[in-house]
N, C-alpha and C. Protein backbone atom coordinates (compact mmCIF):
# COMPACT_ATOMS: atom_id res chain seq x y z
N MET A 1 27.42 -14.67 52.70
CA MET A 1 28.26 -14.79 51.54
C MET A 1 29.67 -15.18 51.97
N LYS A 2 30.43 -15.60 51.01
CA LYS A 2 31.79 -16.05 51.28
C LYS A 2 32.76 -14.86 51.39
N LEU A 3 33.89 -15.12 52.02
CA LEU A 3 34.90 -14.08 52.24
C LEU A 3 35.35 -13.44 50.93
N ARG A 4 35.59 -14.25 49.91
CA ARG A 4 36.04 -13.71 48.62
C ARG A 4 34.99 -12.79 48.00
N THR A 5 33.73 -13.12 48.19
CA THR A 5 32.65 -12.29 47.66
C THR A 5 32.65 -10.93 48.34
N HIS A 6 32.78 -10.93 49.66
CA HIS A 6 32.84 -9.66 50.39
C HIS A 6 34.07 -8.86 49.96
N ALA A 7 35.20 -9.53 49.80
CA ALA A 7 36.43 -8.84 49.39
C ALA A 7 36.29 -8.24 47.99
N ALA A 8 35.73 -9.00 47.05
CA ALA A 8 35.55 -8.50 45.68
C ALA A 8 34.66 -7.27 45.66
N CYS A 9 33.62 -7.28 46.45
CA CYS A 9 32.72 -6.12 46.49
C CYS A 9 33.36 -4.94 47.22
N GLY A 10 34.24 -5.22 48.18
CA GLY A 10 35.00 -4.15 48.82
C GLY A 10 35.92 -3.47 47.83
N ILE A 11 36.58 -4.26 47.00
CA ILE A 11 37.44 -3.70 45.95
C ILE A 11 36.62 -2.84 45.00
N LEU A 12 35.47 -3.36 44.59
CA LEU A 12 34.60 -2.60 43.69
C LEU A 12 34.20 -1.27 44.33
N LEU A 13 33.84 -1.31 45.59
CA LEU A 13 33.44 -0.08 46.28
C LEU A 13 34.58 0.94 46.30
N ALA A 14 35.79 0.49 46.59
CA ALA A 14 36.94 1.40 46.62
C ALA A 14 37.18 2.02 45.25
N VAL A 15 37.07 1.23 44.21
CA VAL A 15 37.28 1.73 42.86
C VAL A 15 36.17 2.71 42.48
N LEU A 16 34.95 2.41 42.87
CA LEU A 16 33.82 3.28 42.53
C LEU A 16 33.93 4.66 43.17
N ILE A 17 34.36 4.70 44.41
CA ILE A 17 34.37 6.00 45.10
C ILE A 17 35.70 6.73 44.96
N SER A 18 36.61 6.18 44.20
CA SER A 18 37.94 6.80 44.06
C SER A 18 38.32 7.05 42.61
N PRO A 19 37.53 7.80 41.88
CA PRO A 19 37.90 8.04 40.48
C PRO A 19 39.12 8.96 40.39
N ASN A 20 39.95 8.68 39.42
CA ASN A 20 41.10 9.54 39.11
C ASN A 20 42.07 9.76 40.26
N VAL A 21 42.31 8.72 41.05
CA VAL A 21 43.33 8.84 42.10
C VAL A 21 44.58 8.11 41.64
N PRO A 22 45.74 8.51 42.12
CA PRO A 22 46.97 7.80 41.74
C PRO A 22 46.91 6.34 42.17
N LEU A 23 47.62 5.51 41.45
CA LEU A 23 47.61 4.07 41.70
C LEU A 23 48.02 3.72 43.13
N GLU A 24 48.98 4.45 43.69
CA GLU A 24 49.43 4.17 45.06
C GLU A 24 48.29 4.42 46.06
N VAL A 25 47.55 5.48 45.85
CA VAL A 25 46.43 5.79 46.74
C VAL A 25 45.32 4.78 46.55
N LEU A 26 45.03 4.43 45.31
CA LEU A 26 44.00 3.44 45.02
C LEU A 26 44.33 2.10 45.66
N SER A 27 45.59 1.70 45.60
CA SER A 27 46.01 0.44 46.22
C SER A 27 45.73 0.46 47.72
N LEU A 28 46.04 1.57 48.36
CA LEU A 28 45.79 1.70 49.79
C LEU A 28 44.29 1.66 50.08
N LEU A 29 43.51 2.37 49.28
CA LEU A 29 42.05 2.38 49.48
C LEU A 29 41.45 1.00 49.27
N ILE A 30 41.95 0.26 48.30
CA ILE A 30 41.45 -1.10 48.06
C ILE A 30 41.74 -1.98 49.26
N CYS A 31 42.96 -1.94 49.77
CA CYS A 31 43.30 -2.74 50.97
C CYS A 31 42.41 -2.35 52.14
N TRP A 32 42.21 -1.07 52.31
CA TRP A 32 41.38 -0.56 53.39
C TRP A 32 39.94 -1.07 53.25
N ALA A 33 39.39 -0.99 52.06
CA ALA A 33 38.01 -1.43 51.83
C ALA A 33 37.86 -2.93 52.03
N VAL A 34 38.85 -3.69 51.60
CA VAL A 34 38.77 -5.16 51.78
C VAL A 34 38.76 -5.51 53.26
N VAL A 35 39.63 -4.89 54.03
CA VAL A 35 39.66 -5.16 55.48
C VAL A 35 38.30 -4.87 56.10
N TRP A 36 37.75 -3.72 55.80
CA TRP A 36 36.47 -3.34 56.42
C TRP A 36 35.28 -4.09 55.83
N SER A 37 35.42 -4.59 54.61
CA SER A 37 34.30 -5.35 54.03
C SER A 37 34.20 -6.76 54.61
N VAL A 38 35.25 -7.24 55.26
CA VAL A 38 35.20 -8.57 55.87
C VAL A 38 35.19 -8.52 57.40
N ILE A 39 35.36 -7.35 57.98
CA ILE A 39 35.50 -7.22 59.44
C ILE A 39 34.25 -7.67 60.19
N SER A 40 33.09 -7.57 59.58
CA SER A 40 31.86 -7.99 60.27
C SER A 40 31.88 -9.47 60.62
N ASP A 41 32.61 -10.25 59.85
CA ASP A 41 32.66 -11.69 60.13
C ASP A 41 33.68 -12.06 61.19
N ILE A 42 34.23 -11.07 61.87
CA ILE A 42 35.13 -11.34 62.98
C ILE A 42 34.38 -12.07 64.10
N ASP A 43 33.06 -11.96 64.06
CA ASP A 43 32.25 -12.64 65.09
C ASP A 43 32.37 -14.16 65.02
N HIS A 44 32.88 -14.68 63.92
CA HIS A 44 33.15 -16.12 63.83
C HIS A 44 34.22 -16.54 64.84
N TYR A 45 35.09 -15.61 65.18
CA TYR A 45 36.27 -15.93 65.99
C TYR A 45 36.17 -15.44 67.44
N ILE A 46 35.06 -14.84 67.80
CA ILE A 46 34.86 -14.39 69.18
C ILE A 46 33.82 -15.30 69.81
N PRO A 47 34.24 -16.13 70.77
CA PRO A 47 33.35 -17.14 71.32
C PRO A 47 32.05 -16.61 71.93
N THR A 48 32.08 -15.44 72.53
CA THR A 48 30.89 -14.93 73.21
C THR A 48 29.96 -14.13 72.31
N VAL A 49 30.35 -13.93 71.06
CA VAL A 49 29.54 -13.13 70.14
C VAL A 49 28.89 -14.06 69.11
N ARG A 50 27.58 -13.90 68.96
CA ARG A 50 26.85 -14.72 68.00
C ARG A 50 27.07 -14.20 66.58
N HIS A 51 27.22 -15.15 65.64
CA HIS A 51 27.41 -14.74 64.24
C HIS A 51 26.15 -14.05 63.73
N ARG A 52 26.38 -13.02 62.95
CA ARG A 52 25.33 -12.16 62.42
C ARG A 52 24.52 -11.53 63.55
N GLY A 53 25.24 -11.06 64.51
CA GLY A 53 24.65 -10.31 65.61
C GLY A 53 24.94 -8.84 65.41
N ILE A 54 25.48 -8.22 66.45
CA ILE A 54 25.73 -6.78 66.44
C ILE A 54 26.71 -6.35 65.35
N THR A 55 27.61 -7.24 64.95
CA THR A 55 28.58 -6.87 63.91
C THR A 55 27.94 -6.81 62.52
N HIS A 56 26.69 -7.18 62.44
CA HIS A 56 25.96 -7.12 61.17
C HIS A 56 24.81 -6.11 61.27
N SER A 57 25.11 -4.96 61.85
CA SER A 57 24.09 -3.93 62.04
C SER A 57 24.60 -2.57 61.56
N LEU A 58 23.67 -1.66 61.37
CA LEU A 58 24.05 -0.29 60.98
C LEU A 58 24.81 0.41 62.10
N VAL A 59 24.50 0.05 63.34
CA VAL A 59 25.22 0.64 64.46
C VAL A 59 26.70 0.29 64.36
N PHE A 60 27.01 -0.96 64.02
CA PHE A 60 28.40 -1.38 63.86
C PHE A 60 29.05 -0.65 62.69
N ALA A 61 28.31 -0.47 61.60
CA ALA A 61 28.86 0.25 60.44
C ALA A 61 29.21 1.69 60.82
N LEU A 62 28.32 2.35 61.54
CA LEU A 62 28.59 3.73 61.96
C LEU A 62 29.70 3.79 62.99
N PHE A 63 29.70 2.82 63.90
CA PHE A 63 30.75 2.74 64.91
C PHE A 63 32.12 2.56 64.25
N SER A 64 32.18 1.72 63.22
CA SER A 64 33.44 1.47 62.51
C SER A 64 34.01 2.76 61.94
N GLY A 65 33.18 3.52 61.26
CA GLY A 65 33.63 4.79 60.70
C GLY A 65 34.04 5.78 61.77
N ALA A 66 33.26 5.84 62.84
CA ALA A 66 33.57 6.77 63.93
C ALA A 66 34.88 6.38 64.62
N LEU A 67 35.10 5.09 64.77
CA LEU A 67 36.34 4.60 65.39
C LEU A 67 37.55 4.96 64.54
N VAL A 68 37.44 4.74 63.24
CA VAL A 68 38.53 5.07 62.33
C VAL A 68 38.83 6.56 62.39
N PHE A 69 37.80 7.36 62.40
CA PHE A 69 37.98 8.81 62.42
C PHE A 69 38.58 9.28 63.74
N ALA A 70 38.09 8.73 64.85
CA ALA A 70 38.54 9.17 66.18
C ALA A 70 39.94 8.67 66.51
N VAL A 71 40.20 7.40 66.27
CA VAL A 71 41.48 6.81 66.65
C VAL A 71 42.59 7.20 65.69
N GLY A 72 42.29 7.10 64.41
CA GLY A 72 43.33 7.33 63.42
C GLY A 72 43.58 8.78 63.11
N LYS A 73 42.65 9.65 63.49
CA LYS A 73 42.76 11.05 63.13
C LYS A 73 43.06 11.18 61.64
N THR A 74 42.43 10.28 60.87
CA THR A 74 42.67 10.24 59.43
C THR A 74 41.69 11.16 58.72
N GLN A 75 41.82 11.19 57.43
CA GLN A 75 40.88 11.95 56.62
C GLN A 75 39.50 11.32 56.77
N LEU A 76 38.51 12.12 56.62
CA LEU A 76 37.13 11.64 56.71
C LEU A 76 36.85 10.57 55.66
N ASN A 77 37.53 10.62 54.52
CA ASN A 77 37.31 9.65 53.45
C ASN A 77 37.54 8.22 53.91
N TYR A 78 38.55 7.99 54.72
CA TYR A 78 38.84 6.64 55.20
C TYR A 78 37.75 6.15 56.16
N ALA A 79 37.23 7.04 56.96
CA ALA A 79 36.15 6.68 57.88
C ALA A 79 34.88 6.35 57.10
N ILE A 80 34.60 7.14 56.09
CA ILE A 80 33.41 6.90 55.27
C ILE A 80 33.56 5.58 54.52
N LEU A 81 34.75 5.33 53.97
CA LEU A 81 34.98 4.07 53.26
C LEU A 81 34.85 2.87 54.19
N ALA A 82 35.30 3.00 55.43
CA ALA A 82 35.14 1.91 56.39
C ALA A 82 33.66 1.62 56.63
N SER A 83 32.88 2.65 56.87
CA SER A 83 31.44 2.46 57.11
C SER A 83 30.73 1.90 55.88
N LEU A 84 31.04 2.43 54.71
CA LEU A 84 30.41 1.95 53.49
C LEU A 84 30.78 0.49 53.19
N SER A 85 32.01 0.11 53.52
CA SER A 85 32.43 -1.28 53.30
C SER A 85 31.64 -2.23 54.20
N VAL A 86 31.41 -1.82 55.44
CA VAL A 86 30.59 -2.65 56.34
C VAL A 86 29.16 -2.71 55.83
N VAL A 87 28.64 -1.59 55.35
CA VAL A 87 27.28 -1.58 54.79
C VAL A 87 27.18 -2.50 53.58
N MET A 88 28.22 -2.52 52.74
CA MET A 88 28.24 -3.44 51.60
C MET A 88 28.17 -4.89 52.08
N HIS A 89 28.89 -5.20 53.14
CA HIS A 89 28.85 -6.54 53.74
C HIS A 89 27.42 -6.87 54.17
N LEU A 90 26.78 -5.91 54.81
CA LEU A 90 25.40 -6.12 55.27
C LEU A 90 24.45 -6.36 54.10
N MET A 91 24.64 -5.62 53.03
CA MET A 91 23.79 -5.80 51.85
C MET A 91 23.95 -7.20 51.27
N LEU A 92 25.19 -7.66 51.17
CA LEU A 92 25.41 -9.00 50.62
C LEU A 92 24.81 -10.07 51.52
N ASP A 93 25.00 -9.94 52.83
CA ASP A 93 24.45 -10.94 53.74
C ASP A 93 22.92 -10.87 53.83
N SER A 94 22.35 -9.74 53.45
CA SER A 94 20.89 -9.63 53.47
C SER A 94 20.25 -10.38 52.30
N LEU A 95 21.06 -10.87 51.38
CA LEU A 95 20.54 -11.69 50.28
C LEU A 95 20.20 -13.10 50.74
N THR A 96 20.73 -13.50 51.87
CA THR A 96 20.58 -14.88 52.36
C THR A 96 19.30 -15.04 53.16
N PRO A 97 18.84 -16.30 53.33
CA PRO A 97 17.61 -16.54 54.08
C PRO A 97 17.65 -16.03 55.52
N SER A 98 18.82 -16.06 56.16
CA SER A 98 18.87 -15.62 57.55
C SER A 98 18.92 -14.10 57.70
N GLY A 99 19.22 -13.39 56.63
CA GLY A 99 19.22 -11.93 56.67
C GLY A 99 20.21 -11.37 57.68
N VAL A 100 20.03 -10.09 58.03
CA VAL A 100 20.90 -9.42 59.00
C VAL A 100 20.04 -8.62 59.99
N PRO A 101 20.50 -8.52 61.23
CA PRO A 101 19.77 -7.71 62.22
C PRO A 101 20.15 -6.23 62.06
N LEU A 102 19.71 -5.64 61.00
CA LEU A 102 20.13 -4.30 60.59
C LEU A 102 19.97 -3.26 61.69
N TRP A 103 18.92 -3.36 62.48
CA TRP A 103 18.60 -2.33 63.48
C TRP A 103 19.05 -2.69 64.89
N MET A 104 19.83 -3.77 65.03
CA MET A 104 20.31 -4.17 66.35
C MET A 104 21.20 -3.05 66.90
N PRO A 105 21.18 -2.70 68.13
CA PRO A 105 20.57 -3.34 69.29
C PRO A 105 19.15 -2.89 69.58
N PHE A 106 18.57 -2.06 68.72
CA PHE A 106 17.22 -1.54 68.95
C PHE A 106 16.15 -2.57 68.61
N SER A 107 16.46 -3.46 67.66
CA SER A 107 15.53 -4.50 67.26
C SER A 107 16.34 -5.69 66.74
N GLY A 108 15.91 -6.89 67.10
CA GLY A 108 16.58 -8.09 66.64
C GLY A 108 15.99 -8.63 65.35
N LYS A 109 14.98 -7.92 64.81
CA LYS A 109 14.33 -8.37 63.58
C LYS A 109 15.33 -8.42 62.44
N ARG A 110 15.31 -9.53 61.73
CA ARG A 110 16.25 -9.72 60.62
C ARG A 110 15.68 -9.13 59.34
N VAL A 111 16.54 -8.46 58.61
CA VAL A 111 16.14 -7.78 57.38
C VAL A 111 16.77 -8.51 56.21
N ARG A 112 15.98 -8.67 55.16
CA ARG A 112 16.47 -9.26 53.91
C ARG A 112 16.36 -8.22 52.80
N PHE A 113 17.26 -8.32 51.84
CA PHE A 113 17.26 -7.39 50.72
C PHE A 113 15.92 -7.49 50.00
N PRO A 114 15.32 -6.35 49.59
CA PRO A 114 14.03 -6.41 48.91
C PRO A 114 14.06 -7.27 47.65
N ILE A 115 13.00 -7.94 47.41
CA ILE A 115 12.71 -8.79 46.25
C ILE A 115 13.56 -10.06 46.22
N ILE A 116 14.88 -9.95 46.10
CA ILE A 116 15.69 -11.16 45.98
C ILE A 116 16.26 -11.64 47.31
N GLY A 117 16.12 -10.85 48.34
CA GLY A 117 16.66 -11.23 49.65
C GLY A 117 15.99 -12.49 50.18
N GLY A 118 16.80 -13.36 50.75
CA GLY A 118 16.28 -14.59 51.32
C GLY A 118 16.28 -15.75 50.35
N HIS A 119 16.70 -15.54 49.14
CA HIS A 119 16.67 -16.59 48.13
C HIS A 119 18.04 -17.17 47.79
N ILE A 120 19.09 -16.60 48.36
CA ILE A 120 20.44 -17.05 48.04
C ILE A 120 21.13 -17.52 49.32
N ARG A 121 21.50 -18.77 49.35
CA ARG A 121 22.22 -19.28 50.51
C ARG A 121 23.65 -18.74 50.49
N SER A 122 24.22 -18.51 51.66
CA SER A 122 25.56 -17.93 51.72
C SER A 122 26.63 -18.87 51.18
N ASP A 123 26.33 -20.17 51.14
CA ASP A 123 27.31 -21.12 50.61
C ASP A 123 27.02 -21.51 49.15
N ASN A 124 26.13 -20.80 48.51
CA ASN A 124 25.79 -21.06 47.11
C ASN A 124 26.97 -20.65 46.22
N ARG A 125 27.65 -21.64 45.67
CA ARG A 125 28.85 -21.38 44.87
C ARG A 125 28.54 -20.55 43.64
N ILE A 126 27.43 -20.84 42.99
CA ILE A 126 27.07 -20.12 41.76
C ILE A 126 26.80 -18.65 42.06
N ALA A 127 26.05 -18.38 43.12
CA ALA A 127 25.75 -16.99 43.48
C ALA A 127 27.03 -16.26 43.87
N ASN A 128 27.86 -16.88 44.69
CA ASN A 128 29.11 -16.24 45.09
C ASN A 128 30.00 -15.96 43.90
N MET A 129 30.16 -16.95 43.04
CA MET A 129 30.99 -16.76 41.85
C MET A 129 30.40 -15.69 40.94
N GLY A 130 29.09 -15.69 40.79
CA GLY A 130 28.42 -14.69 39.96
C GLY A 130 28.68 -13.28 40.46
N ILE A 131 28.54 -13.08 41.76
CA ILE A 131 28.78 -11.76 42.34
C ILE A 131 30.25 -11.37 42.18
N GLN A 132 31.15 -12.32 42.41
CA GLN A 132 32.58 -12.04 42.26
C GLN A 132 32.92 -11.66 40.82
N ILE A 133 32.37 -12.39 39.87
CA ILE A 133 32.65 -12.11 38.46
C ILE A 133 32.10 -10.75 38.06
N VAL A 134 30.89 -10.44 38.49
CA VAL A 134 30.30 -9.13 38.17
C VAL A 134 31.16 -8.02 38.78
N ALA A 135 31.60 -8.20 40.02
CA ALA A 135 32.44 -7.19 40.66
C ALA A 135 33.75 -6.99 39.91
N VAL A 136 34.40 -8.08 39.53
CA VAL A 136 35.68 -7.99 38.81
C VAL A 136 35.48 -7.35 37.44
N LEU A 137 34.42 -7.73 36.73
CA LEU A 137 34.15 -7.12 35.43
C LEU A 137 33.87 -5.63 35.56
N ALA A 138 33.12 -5.26 36.59
CA ALA A 138 32.83 -3.85 36.81
C ALA A 138 34.11 -3.08 37.12
N ILE A 139 34.99 -3.68 37.92
CA ILE A 139 36.27 -3.05 38.24
C ILE A 139 37.08 -2.84 36.97
N CYS A 140 37.16 -3.86 36.14
CA CYS A 140 37.90 -3.75 34.87
C CYS A 140 37.29 -2.68 33.98
N PHE A 141 35.98 -2.63 33.90
CA PHE A 141 35.30 -1.64 33.07
C PHE A 141 35.59 -0.23 33.56
N ILE A 142 35.59 -0.04 34.87
CA ILE A 142 35.83 1.29 35.45
C ILE A 142 37.28 1.71 35.26
N LEU A 143 38.20 0.78 35.51
CA LEU A 143 39.63 1.14 35.46
C LEU A 143 40.18 1.26 34.05
N PHE A 144 39.61 0.51 33.14
CA PHE A 144 40.18 0.48 31.78
C PHE A 144 39.18 1.06 30.85
């Protein structure tokens, strides 16, 4: 999926798990979720790492949360949000034909989302726009 699609779903995730928080806190959580919802695609910029490799696995999602918790000494909520944002990224990428190596490094088998997984290309403008619109509408519905 496209960067904007991952970001829109990260925003939705932050809004969903943060009911009744002050706007300042929500703004911080949204920024946090967006960063972690796109971090898996950092593999595009690391020459020795293959795209949709280890950064697209549950191990990476758990590692992300553990890293945030250990390094930042932050509240557990931020670590959980980091891991959930990476998992959201994995779910979106599992809609595509190439899927994600969910169980890497234990298995390189690619996983696709049940039923509709494998039917949406990551560069499909209609699918990306559709997901973005649904996310934005859901955010508006939740907040207002």
